[in-house]
Amino acid sequence: MAETGSSFPPRSRSATFRRWLLRIHGIVLTVVALTLAVATTVGKVTGKGQFGFLHDQPLVWVGLIQAYLLMTIIAVLLFTGADQPNTRKWNVVGALAHAVPLFAALSALSVFQSMGALELAEISIGFHVFWLALETLAALLPVSKS
């Protein structure tokens, strides 16, 4: 058996891709979620920036901060899940984590438009579609029978 640097047997290409994707996804999602948590908090406190409207709508901030910090927890789980023997379940978690905010963004397009924030919604939708598609692809890849 070839040395792989871990206690697991040699990995197939699909298993390697799954692990790589989970690590990258976990890092990107942590950075994005924490950045948005800070940005929304700054907007709530100062009334300035892209999230400045939260200063007058603090209840919206309560929902956003919860969502961003929960997504950070999921991101850490994806990163750590990459080192577990069966990563497919973590790819499913990674895909589903984006289904909820994607559904919310698509359902609220008229709200974003009325706020003049349609571009923000489009960026959010693109981000969530990208990761939902990649993690779904990884979850659907066949498992090699070594």
Protein backbone atom coordinates (compact mmCIF):
# COMPACT_ATOMS: atom_id res chain seq x y z
CA MET A 1 0.00 0.00 0.00
CA ALA A 2 1.35 3.41 -0.97
CA GLU A 3 1.94 5.98 1.74
CA THR A 4 -0.75 8.71 1.54
CA GLY A 5 0.20 10.73 4.61
CA SER A 6 -2.89 9.59 6.50
CA SER A 7 -4.34 6.49 8.07
CA PHE A 8 -6.71 5.99 5.13
CA PRO A 9 -5.99 3.74 2.13
CA PRO A 10 -4.98 5.33 -1.21
CA ARG A 11 -7.70 7.57 -2.61
CA SER A 12 -9.49 7.55 -5.94
CA ARG A 13 -9.63 10.72 -8.01
CA SER A 14 -13.23 11.33 -6.96
CA ALA A 15 -12.34 10.93 -3.27
CA THR A 16 -9.41 13.31 -3.68
CA PHE A 17 -11.68 15.82 -5.44
CA ARG A 18 -14.29 15.53 -2.66
CA ARG A 19 -11.68 16.21 0.03
CA TRP A 20 -10.09 19.08 -1.89
CA LEU A 21 -13.50 20.65 -2.54
CA LEU A 22 -14.54 20.41 1.11
CA ARG A 23 -11.34 22.09 2.28
CA ILE A 24 -11.54 24.93 -0.26
CA HIS A 25 -15.27 25.36 0.32
CA GLY A 26 -14.76 25.45 4.09
CA ILE A 27 -12.09 28.13 3.81
CA VAL A 28 -13.99 30.30 1.32
CA LEU A 29 -17.24 29.99 3.23
CA THR A 30 -15.57 30.89 6.54
CA VAL A 31 -14.02 34.02 5.04
CA VAL A 32 -17.23 35.11 3.28
CA ALA A 33 -19.53 34.42 6.23
CA LEU A 34 -17.30 36.16 8.78
CA THR A 35 -16.74 39.11 6.43
CA LEU A 36 -20.49 39.51 5.99
CA ALA A 37 -21.05 39.17 9.74
CA VAL A 38 -18.61 42.05 10.31
CA ALA A 39 -20.04 44.13 7.44
CA THR A 40 -23.62 43.78 8.66
CA THR A 41 -22.58 44.64 12.21
CA VAL A 42 -20.71 47.73 11.02
CA GLY A 43 -23.79 48.75 9.01
CA LYS A 44 -26.05 48.24 12.03
CA VAL A 45 -23.81 50.22 14.38
CA THR A 46 -22.75 53.07 12.08
CA GLY A 47 -25.53 53.27 9.50
CA LYS A 48 -22.85 53.38 6.80
CA GLY A 49 -21.87 51.08 3.97
CA GLN A 50 -23.80 48.57 1.94
CA PHE A 51 -25.59 47.37 5.09
CA GLY A 52 -26.18 50.84 6.52
CA PHE A 53 -29.94 50.30 6.30
CA LEU A 54 -29.59 47.88 9.24
CA HIS A 55 -29.09 50.87 11.55
CA ASP A 56 -32.83 51.59 11.25
CA GLN A 57 -33.84 47.91 11.02
CA PRO A 58 -31.96 46.09 13.79
CA LEU A 59 -34.26 43.07 13.69
CA VAL A 60 -33.04 42.32 10.17
CA TRP A 61 -29.49 42.31 11.55
CA VAL A 62 -30.52 39.71 14.16
CA GLY A 63 -31.52 37.31 11.39
CA LEU A 64 -28.48 38.03 9.25
CA ILE A 65 -25.92 37.65 12.05
CA GLN A 66 -27.45 34.32 13.02
CA ALA A 67 -27.36 33.12 9.41
CA TYR A 68 -23.76 34.19 8.85
CA LEU A 69 -22.48 32.68 12.09
CA LEU A 70 -24.36 29.42 11.49
CA MET A 71 -22.84 29.29 8.00
CA THR A 72 -19.43 29.76 9.62
CA ILE A 73 -20.08 26.71 11.81
CA ILE A 74 -21.08 24.72 8.72
CA ALA A 75 -17.90 25.90 6.97
CA VAL A 76 -15.73 24.62 9.82
CA LEU A 77 -17.58 21.29 9.70
CA LEU A 78 -16.96 21.01 5.95
CA PHE A 79 -13.26 21.66 6.45
CA THR A 80 -12.93 19.11 9.25
CA GLY A 81 -15.19 16.64 7.43
CA ALA A 82 -12.65 16.51 4.59
CA ASP A 83 -10.41 14.38 6.83
CA GLN A 84 -13.06 11.77 7.60
CA PRO A 85 -13.27 8.42 5.79
CA ASN A 86 -16.68 9.04 4.14
CA THR A 87 -16.70 12.57 2.74
CA ARG A 88 -19.78 12.17 0.54
CA LYS A 89 -22.10 13.04 3.45
CA TRP A 90 -20.18 16.29 3.96
CA ASN A 91 -20.55 17.14 0.27
CA VAL A 92 -24.31 16.70 0.72
CA VAL A 93 -24.18 19.03 3.76
CA GLY A 94 -22.16 21.51 1.70
CA ALA A 95 -24.77 21.46 -1.07
CA LEU A 96 -27.76 21.72 1.26
CA ALA A 97 -26.18 24.60 3.18
CA HIS A 98 -26.53 26.69 0.03
CA ALA A 99 -30.04 25.53 -0.89
CA VAL A 100 -31.70 27.50 1.94
CA PRO A 101 -30.13 30.93 1.27
CA LEU A 102 -30.54 30.37 -2.48
CA PHE A 103 -34.25 29.70 -2.01
CA ALA A 104 -34.55 32.79 0.20
CA ALA A 105 -32.73 35.03 -2.30
CA LEU A 106 -34.79 33.78 -5.24
CA SER A 107 -38.01 34.18 -3.28
CA ALA A 108 -37.16 37.76 -2.31
CA LEU A 109 -36.01 39.18 -5.64
CA SER A 110 -38.78 41.78 -5.57
CA VAL A 111 -37.65 42.86 -2.08
CA PHE A 112 -34.06 43.27 -3.27
CA GLN A 113 -35.29 45.20 -6.30
CA SER A 114 -37.44 47.56 -4.18
CA MET A 115 -34.37 48.27 -2.01
CA GLY A 116 -32.18 48.94 -5.02
CA ALA A 117 -30.06 45.92 -4.08
CA LEU A 118 -30.78 43.61 -7.01
CA GLU A 119 -27.05 43.39 -7.83
CA LEU A 120 -26.35 42.16 -4.29
CA ALA A 121 -29.03 39.48 -4.76
CA GLU A 122 -27.51 38.43 -8.08
CA ILE A 123 -24.08 38.04 -6.48
CA SER A 124 -25.59 36.01 -3.65
CA ILE A 125 -27.52 33.79 -6.06
CA GLY A 126 -24.41 33.19 -8.18
CA PHE A 127 -22.34 32.30 -5.10
CA HIS A 128 -24.92 29.83 -3.81
CA VAL A 129 -25.58 28.22 -7.21
CA PHE A 130 -21.84 27.74 -7.75
CA TRP A 131 -21.26 25.93 -4.44
CA LEU A 132 -24.54 24.01 -4.60
CA ALA A 133 -23.57 22.70 -8.05
CA LEU A 134 -19.98 21.79 -7.10
CA GLU A 135 -20.93 20.01 -3.88
CA THR A 136 -23.80 18.20 -5.62
CA LEU A 137 -21.42 17.04 -8.35
CA ALA A 138 -18.95 15.81 -5.73
CA ALA A 139 -21.70 13.97 -3.84
CA LEU A 140 -22.87 12.25 -7.03
CA LEU A 141 -19.43 11.09 -8.19
CA PRO A 142 -19.09 7.32 -8.04
CA VAL A 143 -17.17 5.70 -5.23
CA SER A 144 -14.35 3.52 -6.53
CA LYS A 145 -14.39 -0.08 -5.39
CA SER A 146 -10.72 -0.48 -4.44
